[in-house]
Amino acid sequence: MGTSKRTKVVTSDREKWDKVFGGLVKLLKNQQEQLETLLKERKILEDRIKTQHERWVSDIRLYDDHILQASLIFCVKFGSFWILKLGF
């Protein structure tokens, strides 16, 4: 006895669904790998942005110190000039 027509149809449908399911699994695995790569790249970018921010904050503090020193030097020189000019 051979296999019935109904058994062949069920087997054919099963094989089609197996292919569809296999394709979906492959697609999901690919998307998962892409997401993991994006996550790693995001972390790298986050670290670079934090580092750049820290550099900018450090630069601002340095420039503030330079401005303060220049202001003090100016005040000392300007004040000394007026002290000498007024004869104190």
PDB file of N, CA and C in Angstrom:
ATOM      1  N   MET A   1       0.818  -1.188   0.000  1.00  0.00           N
ATOM      2  CA  MET A   1       0.000   0.000   0.000  1.00  0.00           C
ATOM      3  C   MET A   1       0.860   1.248   0.000  1.00  0.00           C
ATOM      4  N   GLY A   2       0.486   2.256  -0.744  1.00  0.00           N
ATOM      5  CA  GLY A   2       1.206   3.513  -0.771  1.00  0.00           C
ATOM      6  C   GLY A   2       0.580   4.513   0.175  1.00  0.00           C
ATOM      7  N   THR A   3       1.225   5.648   0.257  1.00  0.00           N
ATOM      8  CA  THR A   3       0.679   6.677   1.127  1.00  0.00           C
ATOM      9  C   THR A   3      -0.513   7.320   0.446  1.00  0.00           C
ATOM     10  N   SER A   4      -1.455   7.717   1.216  1.00  0.00           N
ATOM     11  CA  SER A   4      -2.661   8.311   0.652  1.00  0.00           C
ATOM     12  C   SER A   4      -2.394   9.739   0.224  1.00  0.00           C
ATOM     13  N   LYS A   5      -3.300  10.249  -0.595  1.00  0.00           N
ATOM     14  CA  LYS A   5      -3.177  11.629  -1.080  1.00  0.00           C
ATOM     15  C   LYS A   5      -3.250  12.618   0.084  1.00  0.00           C
ATOM     16  N   ARG A   6      -4.073  12.303   1.045  1.00  0.00           N
ATOM     17  CA  ARG A   6      -4.226  13.178   2.226  1.00  0.00           C
ATOM     18  C   ARG A   6      -2.919  13.251   3.009  1.00  0.00           C
ATOM     19  N   THR A   7      -2.212  12.164   3.198  1.00  0.00           N
ATOM     20  CA  THR A   7      -0.950  12.134   3.924  1.00  0.00           C
ATOM     21  C   THR A   7       0.101  12.970   3.201  1.00  0.00           C
ATOM     22  N   LYS A   8       0.126  12.902   1.885  1.00  0.00           N
ATOM     23  CA  LYS A   8       1.084  13.687   1.097  1.00  0.00           C
ATOM     24  C   LYS A   8       0.815  15.182   1.238  1.00  0.00           C
ATOM     25  N   VAL A   9      -0.447  15.588   1.259  1.00  0.00           N
ATOM     26  CA  VAL A   9      -0.812  16.998   1.407  1.00  0.00           C
ATOM     27  C   VAL A   9      -0.397  17.499   2.781  1.00  0.00           C
ATOM     28  N   VAL A  10      -0.648  16.730   3.822  1.00  0.00           N
ATOM     29  CA  VAL A  10      -0.282  17.115   5.184  1.00  0.00           C
ATOM     30  C   VAL A  10       1.236  17.251   5.288  1.00  0.00           C
ATOM     31  N   THR A  11       1.955  16.290   4.707  1.00  0.00           N
ATOM     32  CA  THR A  11       3.412  16.339   4.750  1.00  0.00           C
ATOM     33  C   THR A  11       3.922  17.558   3.989  1.00  0.00           C
ATOM     34  N   SER A  12       3.324  17.841   2.852  1.00  0.00           N
ATOM     35  CA  SER A  12       3.729  18.998   2.047  1.00  0.00           C
ATOM     36  C   SER A  12       3.471  20.299   2.811  1.00  0.00           C
ATOM     37  N   ASP A  13       2.308  20.382   3.428  1.00  0.00           N
ATOM     38  CA  ASP A  13       1.995  21.574   4.233  1.00  0.00           C
ATOM     39  C   ASP A  13       2.978  21.713   5.396  1.00  0.00           C
ATOM     40  N   ARG A  14       3.278  20.591   6.005  1.00  0.00           N
ATOM     41  CA  ARG A  14       4.218  20.596   7.134  1.00  0.00           C
ATOM     42  C   ARG A  14       5.594  21.096   6.690  1.00  0.00           C
ATOM     43  N   GLU A  15       6.063  20.650   5.557  1.00  0.00           N
ATOM     44  CA  GLU A  15       7.368  21.078   5.044  1.00  0.00           C
ATOM     45  C   GLU A  15       7.370  22.569   4.723  1.00  0.00           C
ATOM     46  N   LYS A  16       6.250  23.050   4.176  1.00  0.00           N
ATOM     47  CA  LYS A  16       6.150  24.486   3.871  1.00  0.00           C
ATOM     48  C   LYS A  16       6.222  25.311   5.156  1.00  0.00           C
ATOM     49  N   TRP A  17       5.468  24.872   6.174  1.00  0.00           N
ATOM     50  CA  TRP A  17       5.480  25.605   7.435  1.00  0.00           C
ATOM     51  C   TRP A  17       6.838  25.513   8.122  1.00  0.00           C
ATOM     52  N   ASP A  18       7.500  24.372   7.971  1.00  0.00           N
ATOM     53  CA  ASP A  18       8.858  24.248   8.521  1.00  0.00           C
ATOM     54  C   ASP A  18       9.803  25.249   7.865  1.00  0.00           C
ATOM     55  N   LYS A  19       9.657  25.442   6.559  1.00  0.00           N
ATOM     56  CA  LYS A  19      10.498  26.418   5.849  1.00  0.00           C
ATOM     57  C   LYS A  19      10.183  27.839   6.305  1.00  0.00           C
ATOM     58  N   VAL A  20       8.888  28.137   6.433  1.00  0.00           N
ATOM     59  CA  VAL A  20       8.487  29.471   6.899  1.00  0.00           C
ATOM     60  C   VAL A  20       9.024  29.713   8.307  1.00  0.00           C
ATOM     61  N   PHE A  21       8.833  28.748   9.186  1.00  0.00           N
ATOM     62  CA  PHE A  21       9.304  28.877  10.560  1.00  0.00           C
ATOM     63  C   PHE A  21      10.828  29.031  10.592  1.00  0.00           C
ATOM     64  N   GLY A  22      11.533  28.215   9.802  1.00  0.00           N
ATOM     65  CA  GLY A  22      12.995  28.317   9.735  1.00  0.00           C
ATOM     66  C   GLY A  22      13.448  29.688   9.256  1.00  0.00           C
ATOM     67  N   GLY A  23      12.738  30.227   8.274  1.00  0.00           N
ATOM     68  CA  GLY A  23      13.063  31.571   7.785  1.00  0.00           C
ATOM     69  C   GLY A  23      12.847  32.634   8.843  1.00  0.00           C
ATOM     70  N   LEU A  24      11.746  32.499   9.590  1.00  0.00           N
ATOM     71  CA  LEU A  24      11.465  33.459  10.669  1.00  0.00           C
ATOM     72  C   LEU A  24      12.510  33.376  11.776  1.00  0.00           C
ATOM     73  N   VAL A  25      12.901  32.169  12.126  1.00  0.00           N
ATOM     74  CA  VAL A  25      13.938  32.000  13.156  1.00  0.00           C
ATOM     75  C   VAL A  25      15.234  32.651  12.696  1.00  0.00           C
ATOM     76  N   LYS A  26      15.595  32.416  11.436  1.00  0.00           N
ATOM     77  CA  LYS A  26      16.824  33.012  10.892  1.00  0.00           C
ATOM     78  C   LYS A  26      16.742  34.545  10.906  1.00  0.00           C
ATOM     79  N   LEU A  27      15.580  35.084  10.527  1.00  0.00           N
ATOM     80  CA  LEU A  27      15.365  36.523  10.529  1.00  0.00           C
ATOM     81  C   LEU A  27      15.497  37.090  11.945  1.00  0.00           C
ATOM     82  N   LEU A  28      14.882  36.427  12.921  1.00  0.00           N
ATOM     83  CA  LEU A  28      14.954  36.907  14.306  1.00  0.00           C
ATOM     84  C   LEU A  28      16.372  36.848  14.863  1.00  0.00           C
ATOM     85  N   LYS A  29      17.108  35.799  14.529  1.00  0.00           N
ATOM     86  CA  LYS A  29      18.493  35.706  14.989  1.00  0.00           C
ATOM     87  C   LYS A  29      19.332  36.830  14.390  1.00  0.00           C
ATOM     88  N   ASN A  30      19.090  37.117  13.117  1.00  0.00           N
ATOM     89  CA  ASN A  30      19.818  38.197  12.450  1.00  0.00           C
ATOM     90  C   ASN A  30      19.499  39.540  13.117  1.00  0.00           C
ATOM     91  N   GLN A  31      18.227  39.779  13.404  1.00  0.00           N
ATOM     92  CA  GLN A  31      17.839  41.023  14.074  1.00  0.00           C
ATOM     93  C   GLN A  31      18.434  41.112  15.472  1.00  0.00           C
ATOM     94  N   GLN A  32      18.491  39.999  16.174  1.00  0.00           N
ATOM     95  CA  GLN A  32      19.090  39.995  17.509  1.00  0.00           C
ATOM     96  C   GLN A  32      20.569  40.371  17.429  1.00  0.00           C
ATOM     97  N   GLU A  33      21.281  39.818  16.462  1.00  0.00           N
ATOM     98  CA  GLU A  33      22.702  40.154  16.287  1.00  0.00           C
ATOM     99  C   GLU A  33      22.868  41.640  15.968  1.00  0.00           C
ATOM    100  N   GLN A  34      21.985  42.174  15.123  1.00  0.00           N
ATOM    101  CA  GLN A  34      22.049  43.595  14.788  1.00  0.00           C
ATOM    102  C   GLN A  34      21.798  44.457  16.021  1.00  0.00           C
ATOM    103  N   LEU A  35      20.822  44.073  16.831  1.00  0.00           N
ATOM    104  CA  LEU A  35      20.523  44.821  18.053  1.00  0.00           C
ATOM    105  C   LEU A  35      21.693  44.785  19.034  1.00  0.00           C
ATOM    106  N   GLU A  36      22.329  43.625  19.155  1.00  0.00           N
ATOM    107  CA  GLU A  36      23.480  43.518  20.049  1.00  0.00           C
ATOM    108  C   GLU A  36      24.620  44.396  19.553  1.00  0.00           C
ATOM    109  N   THR A  37      24.823  44.439  18.239  1.00  0.00           N
ATOM    110  CA  THR A  37      25.853  45.304  17.668  1.00  0.00           C
ATOM    111  C   THR A  37      25.520  46.768  17.929  1.00  0.00           C
ATOM    112  N   LEU A  38      24.265  47.146  17.722  1.00  0.00           N
ATOM    113  CA  LEU A  38      23.852  48.531  17.979  1.00  0.00           C
ATOM    114  C   LEU A  38      24.038  48.901  19.443  1.00  0.00           C
ATOM    115  N   LEU A  39      23.736  47.975  20.328  1.00  0.00           N
ATOM    116  CA  LEU A  39      23.902  48.221  21.759  1.00  0.00           C
ATOM    117  C   LEU A  39      25.367  48.471  22.108  1.00  0.00           C
ATOM    118  N   LYS A  40      26.263  47.658  21.540  1.00  0.00           N
ATOM    119  CA  LYS A  40      27.695  47.851  21.782  1.00  0.00           C
ATOM    120  C   LYS A  40      28.163  49.196  21.236  1.00  0.00           C
ATOM    121  N   GLU A  41      27.709  49.546  20.028  1.00  0.00           N
ATOM    122  CA  GLU A  41      28.094  50.823  19.423  1.00  0.00           C
ATOM    123  C   GLU A  41      27.547  51.996  20.236  1.00  0.00           C
ATOM    124  N   ARG A  42      26.340  51.841  20.749  1.00  0.00           N
ATOM    125  CA  ARG A  42      25.747  52.894  21.579  1.00  0.00           C
ATOM    126  C   ARG A  42      26.576  53.114  22.841  1.00  0.00           C
ATOM    127  N   LYS A  43      27.022  52.039  23.449  1.00  0.00           N
ATOM    128  CA  LYS A  43      27.844  52.128  24.661  1.00  0.00           C
ATOM    129  C   LYS A  43      29.155  52.836  24.360  1.00  0.00           C
ATOM    130  N   ILE A  44      29.776  52.488  23.231  1.00  0.00           N
ATOM    131  CA  ILE A  44      31.026  53.139  22.829  1.00  0.00           C
ATOM    132  C   ILE A  44      30.789  54.629  22.622  1.00  0.00           C
ATOM    133  N   LEU A  45      29.707  54.978  21.925  1.00  0.00           N
ATOM    134  CA  LEU A  45      29.388  56.384  21.678  1.00  0.00           C
ATOM    135  C   LEU A  45      29.103  57.120  22.985  1.00  0.00           C
ATOM    136  N   GLU A  46      28.380  56.477  23.884  1.00  0.00           N
ATOM    137  CA  GLU A  46      28.086  57.079  25.191  1.00  0.00           C
ATOM    138  C   GLU A  46      29.380  57.385  25.951  1.00  0.00           C
ATOM    139  N   ASP A  47      30.308  56.443  25.939  1.00  0.00           N
ATOM    140  CA  ASP A  47      31.586  56.645  26.619  1.00  0.00           C
ATOM    141  C   ASP A  47      32.370  57.794  25.992  1.00  0.00           C
ATOM    142  N   ARG A  48      32.353  57.880  24.675  1.00  0.00           N
ATOM    143  CA  ARG A  48      33.072  58.964  23.988  1.00  0.00           C
ATOM    144  C   ARG A  48      32.462  60.322  24.314  1.00  0.00           C
ATOM    145  N   ILE A  49      31.137  60.375  24.370  1.00  0.00           N
ATOM    146  CA  ILE A  49      30.459  61.635  24.693  1.00  0.00           C
ATOM    147  C   ILE A  49      30.770  62.049  26.128  1.00  0.00           C
ATOM    148  N   LYS A  50      30.751  61.095  27.053  1.00  0.00           N
ATOM    149  CA  LYS A  50      31.089  61.409  28.445  1.00  0.00           C
ATOM    150  C   LYS A  50      32.521  61.914  28.561  1.00  0.00           C
ATOM    151  N   THR A  51      33.439  61.261  27.858  1.00  0.00           N
ATOM    152  CA  THR A  51      34.837  61.683  27.887  1.00  0.00           C
ATOM    153  C   THR A  51      34.981  63.090  27.328  1.00  0.00           C
ATOM    154  N   GLN A  52      34.316  63.378  26.215  1.00  0.00           N
ATOM    155  CA  GLN A  52      34.381  64.715  25.615  1.00  0.00           C
ATOM    156  C   GLN A  52      33.799  65.753  26.566  1.00  0.00           C
ATOM    157  N   HIS A  53      32.702  65.418  27.215  1.00  0.00           N
ATOM    158  CA  HIS A  53      32.089  66.343  28.172  1.00  0.00           C
ATOM    159  C   HIS A  53      33.062  66.649  29.314  1.00  0.00           C
ATOM    160  N   GLU A  54      33.711  65.614  29.836  1.00  0.00           N
ATOM    161  CA  GLU A  54      34.689  65.818  30.912  1.00  0.00           C
ATOM    162  C   GLU A  54      35.832  66.721  30.452  1.00  0.00           C
ATOM    163  N   ARG A  55      36.260  66.559  29.211  1.00  0.00           N
ATOM    164  CA  ARG A  55      37.318  67.435  28.686  1.00  0.00           C
ATOM    165  C   ARG A  55      36.848  68.875  28.611  1.00  0.00           C
ATOM    166  N   TRP A  56      35.612  69.065  28.134  1.00  0.00           N
ATOM    167  CA  TRP A  56      35.089  70.427  28.040  1.00  0.00           C
ATOM    168  C   TRP A  56      34.968  71.068  29.419  1.00  0.00           C
ATOM    169  N   VAL A  57      34.493  70.304  30.387  1.00  0.00           N
ATOM    170  CA  VAL A  57      34.377  70.828  31.753  1.00  0.00           C
ATOM    171  C   VAL A  57      35.756  71.210  32.274  1.00  0.00           C
ATOM    172  N   SER A  58      36.754  70.379  32.028  1.00  0.00           N
ATOM    173  CA  SER A  58      38.116  70.662  32.452  1.00  0.00           C
ATOM    174  C   SER A  58      38.646  71.922  31.759  1.00  0.00           C
ATOM    175  N   ASP A  59      38.387  72.047  30.464  1.00  0.00           N
ATOM    176  CA  ASP A  59      38.820  73.238  29.728  1.00  0.00           C
ATOM    177  C   ASP A  59      38.170  74.493  30.295  1.00  0.00           C
ATOM    178  N   ILE A  60      36.893  74.419  30.609  1.00  0.00           N
ATOM    179  CA  ILE A  60      36.188  75.585  31.152  1.00  0.00           C
ATOM    180  C   ILE A  60      36.806  75.998  32.487  1.00  0.00           C
ATOM    181  N   ARG A  61      37.096  75.023  33.332  1.00  0.00           N
ATOM    182  CA  ARG A  61      37.725  75.344  34.618  1.00  0.00           C
ATOM    183  C   ARG A  61      39.093  75.991  34.410  1.00  0.00           C
ATOM    184  N   LEU A  62      39.852  75.458  33.464  1.00  0.00           N
ATOM    185  CA  LEU A  62      41.169  76.021  33.169  1.00  0.00           C
ATOM    186  C   LEU A  62      41.040  77.463  32.672  1.00  0.00           C
ATOM    187  N   TYR A  63      40.096  77.696  31.743  1.00  0.00           N
ATOM    188  CA  TYR A  63      39.906  79.051  31.225  1.00  0.00           C
ATOM    189  C   TYR A  63      39.405  80.000  32.312  1.00  0.00           C
ATOM    190  N   ASP A  64      38.536  79.516  33.185  1.00  0.00           N
ATOM    191  CA  ASP A  64      38.083  80.341  34.309  1.00  0.00           C
ATOM    192  C   ASP A  64      39.262  80.738  35.202  1.00  0.00           C
ATOM    193  N   ASP A  65      40.154  79.795  35.453  1.00  0.00           N
ATOM    194  CA  ASP A  65      41.351  80.095  36.252  1.00  0.00           C
ATOM    195  C   ASP A  65      42.226  81.145  35.566  1.00  0.00           C
ATOM    196  N   HIS A  66      42.393  80.999  34.243  1.00  0.00           N
ATOM    197  CA  HIS A  66      43.192  81.981  33.495  1.00  0.00           C
ATOM    198  C   HIS A  66      42.561  83.366  33.559  1.00  0.00           C
ATOM    199  N   ILE A  67      41.243  83.420  33.425  1.00  0.00           N
ATOM    200  CA  ILE A  67      40.544  84.705  33.490  1.00  0.00           C
ATOM    201  C   ILE A  67      40.696  85.314  34.875  1.00  0.00           C
ATOM    202  N   LEU A  68      40.559  84.505  35.906  1.00  0.00           N
ATOM    203  CA  LEU A  68      40.714  85.009  37.270  1.00  0.00           C
ATOM    204  C   LEU A  68      42.118  85.544  37.509  1.00  0.00           C
ATOM    205  N   GLN A  69      43.117  84.791  37.067  1.00  0.00           N
ATOM    206  CA  GLN A  69      44.508  85.244  37.224  1.00  0.00           C
ATOM    207  C   GLN A  69      44.751  86.543  36.469  1.00  0.00           C
ATOM    208  N   ALA A  70      44.246  86.621  35.241  1.00  0.00           N
ATOM    209  CA  ALA A  70      44.428  87.848  34.453  1.00  0.00           C
ATOM    210  C   ALA A  70      43.716  89.019  35.128  1.00  0.00           C
ATOM    211  N   SER A  71      42.542  88.755  35.671  1.00  0.00           N
ATOM    212  CA  SER A  71      41.803  89.819  36.365  1.00  0.00           C
ATOM    213  C   SER A  71      42.563  90.295  37.599  1.00  0.00           C
ATOM    214  N   LEU A  72      43.121  89.361  38.356  1.00  0.00           N
ATOM    215  CA  LEU A  72      43.876  89.733  39.552  1.00  0.00           C
ATOM    216  C   LEU A  72      45.119  90.541  39.179  1.00  0.00           C
ATOM    217  N   ILE A  73      45.813  90.087  38.151  1.00  0.00           N
ATOM    218  CA  ILE A  73      47.006  90.818  37.699  1.00  0.00           C
ATOM    219  C   ILE A  73      46.614  92.226  37.265  1.00  0.00           C
ATOM    220  N   PHE A  74      45.510  92.335  36.523  1.00  0.00           N
ATOM    221  CA  PHE A  74      45.050  93.647  36.080  1.00  0.00           C
ATOM    222  C   PHE A  74      44.714  94.535  37.278  1.00  0.00           C
ATOM    223  N   CYS A  75      43.999  93.958  38.250  1.00  0.00           N
ATOM    224  CA  CYS A  75      43.613  94.742  39.432  1.00  0.00           C
ATOM    225  C   CYS A  75      44.843  95.198  40.213  1.00  0.00           C
ATOM    226  N   VAL A  76      45.823  94.324  40.343  1.00  0.00           N
ATOM    227  CA  VAL A  76      47.032  94.681  41.079  1.00  0.00           C
ATOM    228  C   VAL A  76      47.768  95.800  40.350  1.00  0.00           C
ATOM    229  N   LYS A  77      47.929  95.673  39.038  1.00  0.00           N
ATOM    230  CA  LYS A  77      48.631  96.704  38.269  1.00  0.00           C
ATOM    231  C   LYS A  77      47.842  97.999  38.236  1.00  0.00           C
ATOM    232  N   PHE A  78      46.544  97.888  38.010  1.00  0.00           N
ATOM    233  CA  PHE A  78      45.713  99.080  37.940  1.00  0.00           C
ATOM    234  C   PHE A  78      45.624  99.762  39.306  1.00  0.00           C
ATOM    235  N   GLY A  79      45.478  98.935  40.343  1.00  0.00           N
ATOM    236  CA  GLY A  79      45.435  99.477  41.701  1.00  0.00           C
ATOM    237  C   GLY A  79      46.747 100.136  42.080  1.00  0.00           C
ATOM    238  N   SER A  80      47.869  99.520  41.706  1.00  0.00           N
ATOM    239  CA  SER A  80      49.178 100.105  42.003  1.00  0.00           C
ATOM    240  C   SER A  80      49.349 101.424  41.283  1.00  0.00           C
ATOM    241  N   PHE A  81      48.846 101.498  40.062  1.00  0.00           N
ATOM    242  CA  PHE A  81      48.943 102.737  39.301  1.00  0.00           C
ATOM    243  C   PHE A  81      48.201 103.856  40.017  1.00  0.00           C
ATOM    244  N   TRP A  82      47.003 103.594  40.472  1.00  0.00           N
ATOM    245  CA  TRP A  82      46.212 104.622  41.144  1.00  0.00           C
ATOM    246  C   TRP A  82      46.809 104.975  42.519  1.00  0.00           C
ATOM    247  N   ILE A  83      47.381 104.005  43.180  1.00  0.00           N
ATOM    248  CA  ILE A  83      48.027 104.275  44.473  1.00  0.00           C
ATOM    249  C   ILE A  83      49.203 105.221  44.244  1.00  0.00           C
ATOM    250  N   LEU A  84      50.013 104.950  43.230  1.00  0.00           N
ATOM    251  CA  LEU A  84      51.140 105.826  42.918  1.00  0.00           C
ATOM    252  C   LEU A  84      50.674 107.179  42.436  1.00  0.00           C
ATOM    253  N   LYS A  85      49.650 107.209  41.621  1.00  0.00           N
ATOM    254  CA  LYS A  85      49.146 108.448  41.053  1.00  0.00           C
ATOM    255  C   LYS A  85      48.559 109.364  42.146  1.00  0.00           C
ATOM    256  N   LEU A  86      47.860 108.752  43.088  1.00  0.00           N
ATOM    257  CA  LEU A  86      47.236 109.528  44.137  1.00  0.00           C
ATOM    258  C   LEU A  86      48.191 109.802  45.303  1.00  0.00           C
ATOM    259  N   GLY A  87      49.319 109.115  45.323  1.00  0.00           N
ATOM    260  CA  GLY A  87      50.302 109.345  46.339  1.00  0.00           C
ATOM    261  C   GLY A  87      50.009 108.697  47.657  1.00  0.00           C
ATOM    262  N   PHE A  88      49.350 107.601  47.672  1.00  0.00           N
ATOM    263  CA  PHE A  88      49.078 106.901  48.936  1.00  0.00           C
ATOM    264  C   PHE A  88      50.241 106.119  49.379  1.00  0.00           C
TER     265      PHE A  88
END
